[in-house]
Amino acid sequence: MHPILFDFGPVTIYSYGLMVALGFLAAMAVALRQARRAGLAPQVIQNTALIALVAGILGARLTYVLLNWELFRADPMEILRLDHGGLVFYGGLAAGVMAGVATLRAKALPVLRTADLLTPPLVLAHAIGRIGCFMNGCCYGKPASVPWAVAFPFDELPRHPPQLYE
């Protein structure tokens, strides 16, 4: 596991954050190409994706905070410390989808047709992000004795790697 890829003085590059960024960029490239083929305005798709990304990160963090409120009660400023980890995928997906749908409706784009176009790039982004989870050593599974079980650094006990399954 390599949670920290590089340190450049006060700037730290985390594997999870880098992989999420790469996943977003790869998904954006595919989505823009698909938008052009489908005759949809690439700029609107790009704006929708950026709005959904920001909403997704906020939704993922909010879900984590709500599920782990006891960790944040004593120091609410810790809520802002994304560099300390703590995002929940389904919270991010829900917030991102809601923001994306609202944006598409505001731009009078066909929601279902555009969702069909954006879903495969979303899956690509998620897959790349899950590699970041694996590199970070988080989201580990139950102990396992299968040959592909992985020993995570926190206990060295071989476990299922759900990030790789997903």
N, C-alpha and C. Protein backbone atom coordinates (compact mmCIF):
# COMPACT_ATOMS: atom_id res chain seq x y z
N MET A 1 0.85 -1.17 0.00
CA MET A 1 0.00 0.00 0.00
C MET A 1 0.90 1.23 0.00
N HIS A 2 0.46 2.22 -0.74
CA HIS A 2 1.22 3.47 -0.84
C HIS A 2 0.27 4.66 -0.71
N PRO A 3 -0.18 4.97 0.52
CA PRO A 3 -1.13 6.07 0.67
C PRO A 3 -0.55 7.42 0.24
N ILE A 4 0.74 7.61 0.46
CA ILE A 4 1.40 8.86 0.06
C ILE A 4 2.37 8.52 -1.06
N LEU A 5 2.15 9.15 -2.22
CA LEU A 5 3.02 8.90 -3.36
C LEU A 5 4.26 9.79 -3.33
N PHE A 6 4.05 11.08 -3.05
CA PHE A 6 5.15 12.04 -3.07
C PHE A 6 4.94 13.12 -2.02
N ASP A 7 6.04 13.63 -1.50
CA ASP A 7 6.03 14.82 -0.66
C ASP A 7 6.91 15.86 -1.33
N PHE A 8 6.32 17.00 -1.61
CA PHE A 8 7.08 18.13 -2.15
C PHE A 8 7.01 19.24 -1.13
N GLY A 9 7.88 19.17 -0.13
CA GLY A 9 7.83 20.16 0.94
C GLY A 9 6.50 20.07 1.66
N PRO A 10 5.74 21.16 1.67
CA PRO A 10 4.46 21.15 2.39
C PRO A 10 3.32 20.49 1.59
N VAL A 11 3.58 20.12 0.33
CA VAL A 11 2.55 19.53 -0.52
C VAL A 11 2.71 18.02 -0.54
N THR A 12 1.64 17.33 -0.20
CA THR A 12 1.64 15.87 -0.20
C THR A 12 0.69 15.39 -1.29
N ILE A 13 1.16 14.45 -2.11
CA ILE A 13 0.32 13.85 -3.15
C ILE A 13 -0.10 12.47 -2.65
N TYR A 14 -1.40 12.33 -2.40
CA TYR A 14 -1.96 11.08 -1.90
C TYR A 14 -2.40 10.20 -3.07
N SER A 15 -2.18 8.91 -2.96
CA SER A 15 -2.54 8.00 -4.04
C SER A 15 -4.04 8.03 -4.31
N TYR A 16 -4.84 8.06 -3.27
CA TYR A 16 -6.29 8.05 -3.47
C TYR A 16 -6.74 9.30 -4.22
N GLY A 17 -6.30 10.46 -3.78
CA GLY A 17 -6.68 11.71 -4.43
C GLY A 17 -6.22 11.77 -5.88
N LEU A 18 -5.01 11.30 -6.12
CA LEU A 18 -4.48 11.30 -7.49
C LEU A 18 -5.31 10.37 -8.38
N MET A 19 -5.65 9.20 -7.88
CA MET A 19 -6.43 8.25 -8.69
C MET A 19 -7.84 8.76 -8.93
N VAL A 20 -8.44 9.43 -7.96
CA VAL A 20 -9.77 10.01 -8.16
C VAL A 20 -9.69 11.09 -9.24
N ALA A 21 -8.65 11.91 -9.19
CA ALA A 21 -8.47 12.96 -10.20
C ALA A 21 -8.25 12.34 -11.58
N LEU A 22 -7.41 11.31 -11.65
CA LEU A 22 -7.18 10.64 -12.94
C LEU A 22 -8.46 9.98 -13.45
N GLY A 23 -9.22 9.40 -12.55
CA GLY A 23 -10.50 8.79 -12.93
C GLY A 23 -11.45 9.82 -13.49
N PHE A 24 -11.51 10.97 -12.85
CA PHE A 24 -12.39 12.04 -13.34
C PHE A 24 -11.94 12.51 -14.72
N LEU A 25 -10.64 12.71 -14.90
CA LEU A 25 -10.13 13.18 -16.19
C LEU A 25 -10.37 12.15 -17.30
N ALA A 26 -10.15 10.88 -16.99
CA ALA A 26 -10.40 9.83 -17.99
C ALA A 26 -11.89 9.78 -18.34
N ALA A 27 -12.74 9.85 -17.33
CA ALA A 27 -14.18 9.83 -17.57
C ALA A 27 -14.61 11.05 -18.38
N MET A 28 -14.03 12.19 -18.08
CA MET A 28 -14.38 13.41 -18.81
C MET A 28 -13.99 13.28 -20.28
N ALA A 29 -12.83 12.71 -20.55
CA ALA A 29 -12.40 12.54 -21.94
C ALA A 29 -13.38 11.64 -22.70
N VAL A 30 -13.79 10.55 -22.08
CA VAL A 30 -14.74 9.64 -22.72
C VAL A 30 -16.10 10.32 -22.89
N ALA A 31 -16.56 10.99 -21.86
CA ALA A 31 -17.87 11.64 -21.91
C ALA A 31 -17.92 12.73 -22.98
N LEU A 32 -16.86 13.50 -23.10
CA LEU A 32 -16.84 14.56 -24.12
C LEU A 32 -16.85 13.98 -25.52
N ARG A 33 -16.12 12.90 -25.71
CA ARG A 33 -16.12 12.24 -27.02
C ARG A 33 -17.52 11.68 -27.34
N GLN A 34 -18.13 11.05 -26.35
CA GLN A 34 -19.47 10.51 -26.54
C GLN A 34 -20.50 11.63 -26.78
N ALA A 35 -20.33 12.75 -26.10
CA ALA A 35 -21.26 13.87 -26.28
C ALA A 35 -21.21 14.39 -27.71
N ARG A 36 -20.01 14.52 -28.24
CA ARG A 36 -19.87 14.99 -29.63
C ARG A 36 -20.56 14.02 -30.59
N ARG A 37 -20.35 12.73 -30.37
CA ARG A 37 -20.98 11.71 -31.23
C ARG A 37 -22.50 11.76 -31.14
N ALA A 38 -23.01 12.07 -29.95
CA ALA A 38 -24.46 12.08 -29.74
C ALA A 38 -25.09 13.43 -30.09
N GLY A 39 -24.26 14.39 -30.47
CA GLY A 39 -24.79 15.69 -30.83
C GLY A 39 -25.17 16.56 -29.65
N LEU A 40 -24.59 16.27 -28.47
CA LEU A 40 -24.83 17.09 -27.28
C LEU A 40 -23.67 18.07 -27.12
N ALA A 41 -23.95 19.23 -26.57
CA ALA A 41 -22.93 20.25 -26.40
C ALA A 41 -21.89 19.80 -25.36
N PRO A 42 -20.63 19.61 -25.79
CA PRO A 42 -19.60 19.16 -24.86
C PRO A 42 -19.42 20.10 -23.66
N GLN A 43 -19.58 21.40 -23.86
CA GLN A 43 -19.41 22.35 -22.75
C GLN A 43 -20.45 22.13 -21.66
N VAL A 44 -21.67 21.82 -22.06
CA VAL A 44 -22.73 21.56 -21.07
C VAL A 44 -22.43 20.26 -20.32
N ILE A 45 -21.95 19.26 -21.02
CA ILE A 45 -21.58 17.99 -20.38
C ILE A 45 -20.43 18.23 -19.40
N GLN A 46 -19.45 19.01 -19.82
CA GLN A 46 -18.31 19.31 -18.94
C GLN A 46 -18.77 20.06 -17.69
N ASN A 47 -19.61 21.06 -17.85
CA ASN A 47 -20.11 21.82 -16.70
C ASN A 47 -20.93 20.93 -15.77
N THR A 48 -21.75 20.08 -16.35
CA THR A 48 -22.57 19.16 -15.55
C THR A 48 -21.67 18.22 -14.75
N ALA A 49 -20.64 17.69 -15.40
CA ALA A 49 -19.73 16.77 -14.71
C ALA A 49 -18.98 17.47 -13.58
N LEU A 50 -18.56 18.70 -13.79
CA LEU A 50 -17.85 19.44 -12.72
C LEU A 50 -18.77 19.72 -11.54
N ILE A 51 -20.00 20.10 -11.83
CA ILE A 51 -20.96 20.34 -10.75
C ILE A 51 -21.23 19.03 -10.00
N ALA A 52 -21.40 17.94 -10.75
CA ALA A 52 -21.65 16.64 -10.11
C ALA A 52 -20.44 16.20 -9.29
N LEU A 53 -19.22 16.50 -9.76
CA LEU A 53 -18.02 16.14 -9.01
C LEU A 53 -17.98 16.86 -7.66
N VAL A 54 -18.19 18.15 -7.68
CA VAL A 54 -18.16 18.93 -6.43
C VAL A 54 -19.26 18.45 -5.49
N ALA A 55 -20.46 18.28 -6.03
CA ALA A 55 -21.57 17.79 -5.20
C ALA A 55 -21.28 16.40 -4.67
N GLY A 56 -20.66 15.56 -5.51
CA GLY A 56 -20.32 14.20 -5.09
C GLY A 56 -19.33 14.17 -3.94
N ILE A 57 -18.32 15.01 -4.02
CA ILE A 57 -17.33 15.06 -2.92
C ILE A 57 -18.00 15.56 -1.64
N LEU A 58 -18.82 16.59 -1.76
CA LEU A 58 -19.52 17.10 -0.58
C LEU A 58 -20.48 16.06 -0.01
N GLY A 59 -21.21 15.37 -0.89
CA GLY A 59 -22.13 14.33 -0.42
C GLY A 59 -21.42 13.15 0.22
N ALA A 60 -20.27 12.78 -0.35
CA ALA A 60 -19.48 11.67 0.20
C ALA A 60 -18.95 12.02 1.59
N ARG A 61 -18.50 13.27 1.74
CA ARG A 61 -17.98 13.70 3.04
C ARG A 61 -19.10 13.83 4.06
N LEU A 62 -20.22 14.44 3.64
CA LEU A 62 -21.35 14.61 4.56
C LEU A 62 -21.85 13.25 5.05
N THR A 63 -21.93 12.29 4.17
CA THR A 63 -22.37 10.94 4.57
C THR A 63 -21.40 10.34 5.57
N TYR A 64 -20.09 10.49 5.31
CA TYR A 64 -19.10 9.97 6.24
C TYR A 64 -19.23 10.63 7.61
N VAL A 65 -19.39 11.94 7.61
CA VAL A 65 -19.50 12.67 8.88
C VAL A 65 -20.74 12.22 9.65
N LEU A 66 -21.87 12.10 8.95
CA LEU A 66 -23.10 11.67 9.62
C LEU A 66 -22.98 10.26 10.18
N LEU A 67 -22.33 9.38 9.43
CA LEU A 67 -22.17 7.99 9.90
C LEU A 67 -21.15 7.86 11.03
N ASN A 68 -20.29 8.86 11.16
CA ASN A 68 -19.23 8.81 12.17
C ASN A 68 -19.23 10.06 13.05
N TRP A 69 -20.41 10.55 13.37
CA TRP A 69 -20.52 11.82 14.08
C TRP A 69 -19.72 11.83 15.38
N GLU A 70 -19.61 10.73 16.06
CA GLU A 70 -18.86 10.69 17.32
C GLU A 70 -17.40 11.11 17.13
N LEU A 71 -16.85 10.86 15.95
CA LEU A 71 -15.46 11.26 15.67
C LEU A 71 -15.32 12.76 15.49
N PHE A 72 -16.41 13.43 15.14
CA PHE A 72 -16.36 14.85 14.80
C PHE A 72 -16.98 15.75 15.86
N ARG A 73 -17.68 15.19 16.80
CA ARG A 73 -18.38 15.98 17.81
C ARG A 73 -17.42 16.88 18.60
N ALA A 74 -16.30 16.34 19.02
CA ALA A 74 -15.37 17.10 19.84
C ALA A 74 -14.62 18.17 19.04
N ASP A 75 -14.41 17.93 17.75
CA ASP A 75 -13.65 18.88 16.92
C ASP A 75 -14.32 19.01 15.55
N PRO A 76 -15.38 19.80 15.47
CA PRO A 76 -16.11 19.94 14.20
C PRO A 76 -15.26 20.48 13.06
N MET A 77 -14.18 21.18 13.32
CA MET A 77 -13.31 21.67 12.25
C MET A 77 -12.66 20.51 11.49
N GLU A 78 -12.60 19.36 12.14
CA GLU A 78 -12.05 18.17 11.49
C GLU A 78 -12.88 17.75 10.28
N ILE A 79 -14.13 18.18 10.23
CA ILE A 79 -15.00 17.88 9.10
C ILE A 79 -14.37 18.38 7.80
N LEU A 80 -13.67 19.48 7.87
CA LEU A 80 -13.07 20.09 6.67
C LEU A 80 -11.78 19.40 6.24
N ARG A 81 -11.23 18.53 7.06
CA ARG A 81 -9.93 17.91 6.79
C ARG A 81 -10.07 16.66 5.92
N LEU A 82 -10.30 16.88 4.64
CA LEU A 82 -10.40 15.76 3.70
C LEU A 82 -9.09 14.99 3.60
N ASP A 83 -7.99 15.64 3.91
CA ASP A 83 -6.70 14.96 3.85
C ASP A 83 -6.56 13.92 4.95
N HIS A 84 -7.48 13.89 5.90
CA HIS A 84 -7.49 12.86 6.94
C HIS A 84 -8.39 11.69 6.55
N GLY A 85 -8.92 11.73 5.35
CA GLY A 85 -9.76 10.63 4.86
C GLY A 85 -11.21 10.81 5.26
N GLY A 86 -12.03 9.93 4.72
CA GLY A 86 -13.42 9.90 5.11
C GLY A 86 -14.40 10.34 4.04
N LEU A 87 -14.61 9.48 3.06
CA LEU A 87 -15.63 9.68 2.04
C LEU A 87 -16.43 8.39 1.93
N VAL A 88 -17.72 8.52 1.64
CA VAL A 88 -18.57 7.34 1.47
C VAL A 88 -19.12 7.38 0.05
N PHE A 89 -18.82 6.33 -0.72
CA PHE A 89 -19.17 6.32 -2.14
C PHE A 89 -20.65 6.58 -2.39
N TYR A 90 -21.53 5.86 -1.71
CA TYR A 90 -22.94 5.99 -2.04
C TYR A 90 -23.48 7.39 -1.71
N GLY A 91 -22.91 8.06 -0.74
CA GLY A 91 -23.30 9.45 -0.47
C GLY A 91 -22.87 10.36 -1.60
N GLY A 92 -21.67 10.12 -2.11
CA GLY A 92 -21.17 10.90 -3.24
C GLY A 92 -21.95 10.62 -4.51
N LEU A 93 -22.28 9.37 -4.75
CA LEU A 93 -23.05 9.01 -5.94
C LEU A 93 -24.42 9.68 -5.90
N ALA A 94 -25.10 9.59 -4.75
CA ALA A 94 -26.43 10.18 -4.63
C ALA A 94 -26.38 11.70 -4.84
N ALA A 95 -25.46 12.38 -4.20
CA ALA A 95 -25.37 13.83 -4.33
C ALA A 95 -24.96 14.23 -5.75
N GLY A 96 -24.02 13.49 -6.34
CA GLY A 96 -23.59 13.79 -7.69
C GLY A 96 -24.69 13.60 -8.72
N VAL A 97 -25.46 12.51 -8.56
CA VAL A 97 -26.56 12.26 -9.48
C VAL A 97 -27.64 13.34 -9.34
N MET A 98 -27.97 13.69 -8.11
CA MET A 98 -28.99 14.73 -7.91
C MET A 98 -28.54 16.06 -8.51
N ALA A 99 -27.29 16.42 -8.29
CA ALA A 99 -26.79 17.68 -8.85
C ALA A 99 -26.74 17.61 -10.37
N GLY A 100 -26.32 16.47 -10.90
CA GLY A 100 -26.27 16.30 -12.35
C GLY A 100 -27.65 16.40 -12.99
N VAL A 101 -28.62 15.73 -12.40
CA VAL A 101 -29.98 15.77 -12.93
C VAL A 101 -30.53 17.20 -12.86
N ALA A 102 -30.30 17.88 -11.75
CA ALA A 102 -30.77 19.26 -11.62
C ALA A 102 -30.13 20.16 -12.67
N THR A 103 -28.85 19.96 -12.92
CA THR A 103 -28.15 20.77 -13.92
C THR A 103 -28.69 20.48 -15.32
N LEU A 104 -28.89 19.21 -15.64
CA LEU A 104 -29.42 18.85 -16.95
C LEU A 104 -30.82 19.43 -17.16
N ARG A 105 -31.63 19.36 -16.13
CA ARG A 105 -32.98 19.94 -16.25
C ARG A 105 -32.91 21.45 -16.43
N ALA A 106 -32.01 22.10 -15.71
CA ALA A 106 -31.87 23.56 -15.84
C ALA A 106 -31.40 23.95 -17.24
N LYS A 107 -30.62 23.07 -17.87
CA LYS A 107 -30.12 23.33 -19.23
C LYS A 107 -31.05 22.77 -20.30
N ALA A 108 -32.17 22.19 -19.87
CA ALA A 108 -33.17 21.61 -20.78
C ALA A 108 -32.60 20.51 -21.66
N LEU A 109 -31.68 19.71 -21.10
CA LEU A 109 -31.15 18.56 -21.81
C LEU A 109 -31.96 17.32 -21.46
N PRO A 110 -32.02 16.35 -22.35
CA PRO A 110 -32.75 15.11 -22.05
C PRO A 110 -32.02 14.31 -20.97
N VAL A 111 -32.64 14.20 -19.82
CA VAL A 111 -31.97 13.59 -18.66
C VAL A 111 -31.62 12.13 -18.92
N LEU A 112 -32.55 11.32 -19.36
CA LEU A 112 -32.28 9.90 -19.54
C LEU A 112 -31.25 9.65 -20.64
N ARG A 113 -31.36 10.35 -21.74
CA ARG A 113 -30.40 10.19 -22.83
C ARG A 113 -28.99 10.59 -22.37
N THR A 114 -28.91 11.67 -21.63
CA THR A 114 -27.61 12.13 -21.15
C THR A 114 -27.07 11.19 -20.07
N ALA A 115 -27.95 10.66 -19.23
CA ALA A 115 -27.52 9.69 -18.22
C ALA A 115 -26.96 8.44 -18.89
N ASP A 116 -27.59 7.99 -19.97
CA ASP A 116 -27.06 6.85 -20.73
C ASP A 116 -25.66 7.14 -21.23
N LEU A 117 -25.43 8.36 -21.65
CA LEU A 117 -24.12 8.75 -22.17
C LEU A 117 -23.08 8.83 -21.05
N LEU A 118 -23.48 9.32 -19.87
CA LEU A 118 -22.53 9.58 -18.78
C LEU A 118 -22.28 8.38 -17.86
N THR A 119 -23.13 7.37 -17.92
CA THR A 119 -22.97 6.24 -16.99
C THR A 119 -21.70 5.43 -17.24
N PRO A 120 -21.36 5.04 -18.47
CA PRO A 120 -20.09 4.31 -18.64
C PRO A 120 -18.86 5.10 -18.19
N PRO A 121 -18.75 6.40 -18.49
CA PRO A 121 -17.60 7.14 -17.96
C PRO A 121 -17.60 7.20 -16.43
N LEU A 122 -18.78 7.26 -15.82
CA LEU A 122 -18.86 7.25 -14.36
C LEU A 122 -18.30 5.94 -13.80
N VAL A 123 -18.63 4.83 -14.44
CA VAL A 123 -18.12 3.53 -14.00
C VAL A 123 -16.60 3.49 -14.15
N LEU A 124 -16.09 4.04 -15.24
CA LEU A 124 -14.63 4.11 -15.44
C LEU A 124 -13.98 4.92 -14.32
N ALA A 125 -14.54 6.08 -14.01
CA ALA A 125 -13.99 6.92 -12.94
C ALA A 125 -14.00 6.18 -11.61
N HIS A 126 -15.09 5.49 -11.33
CA HIS A 126 -15.20 4.74 -10.08
C HIS A 126 -14.15 3.63 -10.01
N ALA A 127 -13.95 2.93 -11.11
CA ALA A 127 -12.96 1.84 -11.13
C ALA A 127 -11.56 2.38 -10.85
N ILE A 128 -11.21 3.48 -11.47
CA ILE A 128 -9.89 4.07 -11.24
C ILE A 128 -9.77 4.56 -9.80
N GLY A 129 -10.84 5.15 -9.28
CA GLY A 129 -10.85 5.59 -7.89
C GLY A 129 -10.69 4.43 -6.91
N ARG A 130 -11.26 3.28 -7.24
CA ARG A 130 -11.12 2.11 -6.36
C ARG A 130 -9.69 1.60 -6.33
N ILE A 131 -8.97 1.76 -7.42
CA ILE A 131 -7.54 1.43 -7.40
C ILE A 131 -6.85 2.34 -6.39
N GLY A 132 -7.27 3.60 -6.35
CA GLY A 132 -6.76 4.52 -5.33
C GLY A 132 -7.06 4.05 -3.92
N CYS A 133 -8.25 3.50 -3.72
CA CYS A 133 -8.60 2.92 -2.41
C CYS A 133 -7.63 1.80 -2.05
N PHE A 134 -7.36 0.95 -3.01
CA PHE A 134 -6.44 -0.16 -2.77
C PHE A 134 -5.05 0.37 -2.42
N MET A 135 -4.58 1.35 -3.19
CA MET A 135 -3.26 1.93 -2.93
C MET A 135 -3.21 2.60 -1.55
N ASN A 136 -4.34 3.11 -1.11
CA ASN A 136 -4.42 3.77 0.19
C ASN A 136 -4.48 2.76 1.33
N GLY A 137 -4.92 1.54 1.02
CA GLY A 137 -5.03 0.51 2.06
C GLY A 137 -6.32 0.60 2.85
N CYS A 138 -7.31 1.27 2.30
CA CYS A 138 -8.59 1.40 3.00
C CYS A 138 -9.63 0.50 2.34
N CYS A 139 -10.80 0.48 2.92
CA CYS A 139 -11.93 -0.26 2.38
C CYS A 139 -11.62 -1.76 2.22
N TYR A 140 -10.90 -2.29 3.17
CA TYR A 140 -10.51 -3.71 3.13
C TYR A 140 -11.69 -4.59 3.49
N GLY A 141 -11.58 -5.85 3.12
CA GLY A 141 -12.65 -6.80 3.35
C GLY A 141 -12.42 -7.67 4.57
N LYS A 142 -13.19 -8.72 4.63
CA LYS A 142 -13.11 -9.67 5.75
C LYS A 142 -11.88 -10.56 5.59
N PRO A 143 -11.40 -11.12 6.70
CA PRO A 143 -10.28 -12.06 6.60
C PRO A 143 -10.60 -13.20 5.64
N ALA A 144 -9.59 -13.61 4.90
CA ALA A 144 -9.79 -14.64 3.86
C ALA A 144 -8.59 -15.54 3.76
N SER A 145 -8.83 -16.74 3.26
CA SER A 145 -7.73 -17.68 3.03
C SER A 145 -7.58 -18.01 1.55
N VAL A 146 -8.21 -17.24 0.69
CA VAL A 146 -8.09 -17.46 -0.75
C VAL A 146 -6.71 -17.01 -1.22
N PRO A 147 -6.21 -17.58 -2.33
CA PRO A 147 -4.85 -17.24 -2.78
C PRO A 147 -4.65 -15.76 -3.12
N TRP A 148 -5.71 -15.05 -3.45
CA TRP A 148 -5.56 -13.64 -3.83
C TRP A 148 -5.82 -12.68 -2.66
N ALA A 149 -5.95 -13.23 -1.46
CA ALA A 149 -6.14 -12.37 -0.29
C ALA A 149 -4.92 -11.45 -0.14
N VAL A 150 -5.16 -10.29 0.42
CA VAL A 150 -4.12 -9.26 0.55
C VAL A 150 -3.90 -8.94 2.02
N ALA A 151 -2.64 -8.84 2.42
CA ALA A 151 -2.32 -8.42 3.78
C ALA A 151 -2.24 -6.90 3.80
N PHE A 152 -3.18 -6.26 4.48
CA PHE A 152 -3.19 -4.81 4.59
C PHE A 152 -2.29 -4.39 5.74
N PRO A 153 -1.70 -3.22 5.67
CA PRO A 153 -0.67 -2.84 6.64
C PRO A 153 -1.14 -2.73 8.08
N PHE A 154 -2.42 -2.52 8.33
CA PHE A 154 -2.85 -2.28 9.69
C PHE A 154 -2.83 -3.53 10.56
N ASP A 155 -2.92 -4.73 9.95
CA ASP A 155 -2.87 -5.94 10.80
C ASP A 155 -2.17 -7.13 10.15
N GLU A 156 -1.78 -7.01 8.88
CA GLU A 156 -1.08 -8.07 8.17
C GLU A 156 -1.89 -9.36 8.02
N LEU A 157 -3.16 -9.33 8.40
CA LEU A 157 -4.04 -10.49 8.24
C LEU A 157 -4.56 -10.50 6.81
N PRO A 158 -4.38 -11.60 6.06
CA PRO A 158 -4.89 -11.62 4.68
C PRO A 158 -6.40 -11.39 4.64
N ARG A 159 -6.81 -10.49 3.76
CA ARG A 159 -8.22 -10.11 3.65
C ARG A 159 -8.64 -10.05 2.20
N HIS A 160 -9.95 -10.14 1.97
CA HIS A 160 -10.49 -9.94 0.65
C HIS A 160 -10.20 -8.49 0.21
N PRO A 161 -9.82 -8.27 -1.06
CA PRO A 161 -9.62 -6.91 -1.57
C PRO A 161 -10.85 -6.41 -2.34
N PRO A 162 -11.89 -5.92 -1.64
CA PRO A 162 -13.11 -5.55 -2.33
C PRO A 162 -12.90 -4.42 -3.37
N GLN A 163 -11.88 -3.60 -3.15
CA GLN A 163 -11.60 -2.54 -4.12
C GLN A 163 -11.27 -3.13 -5.48
N LEU A 164 -10.53 -4.22 -5.48
CA LEU A 164 -10.13 -4.86 -6.74
C LEU A 164 -11.29 -5.67 -7.32
N TYR A 165 -12.12 -6.26 -6.47
CA TYR A 165 -13.29 -6.96 -6.98
C TYR A 165 -14.20 -5.99 -7.71
N GLU A 166 -14.38 -4.86 -7.10
CA GLU A 166 -15.30 -3.88 -7.67
C GLU A 166 -14.75 -3.31 -8.96
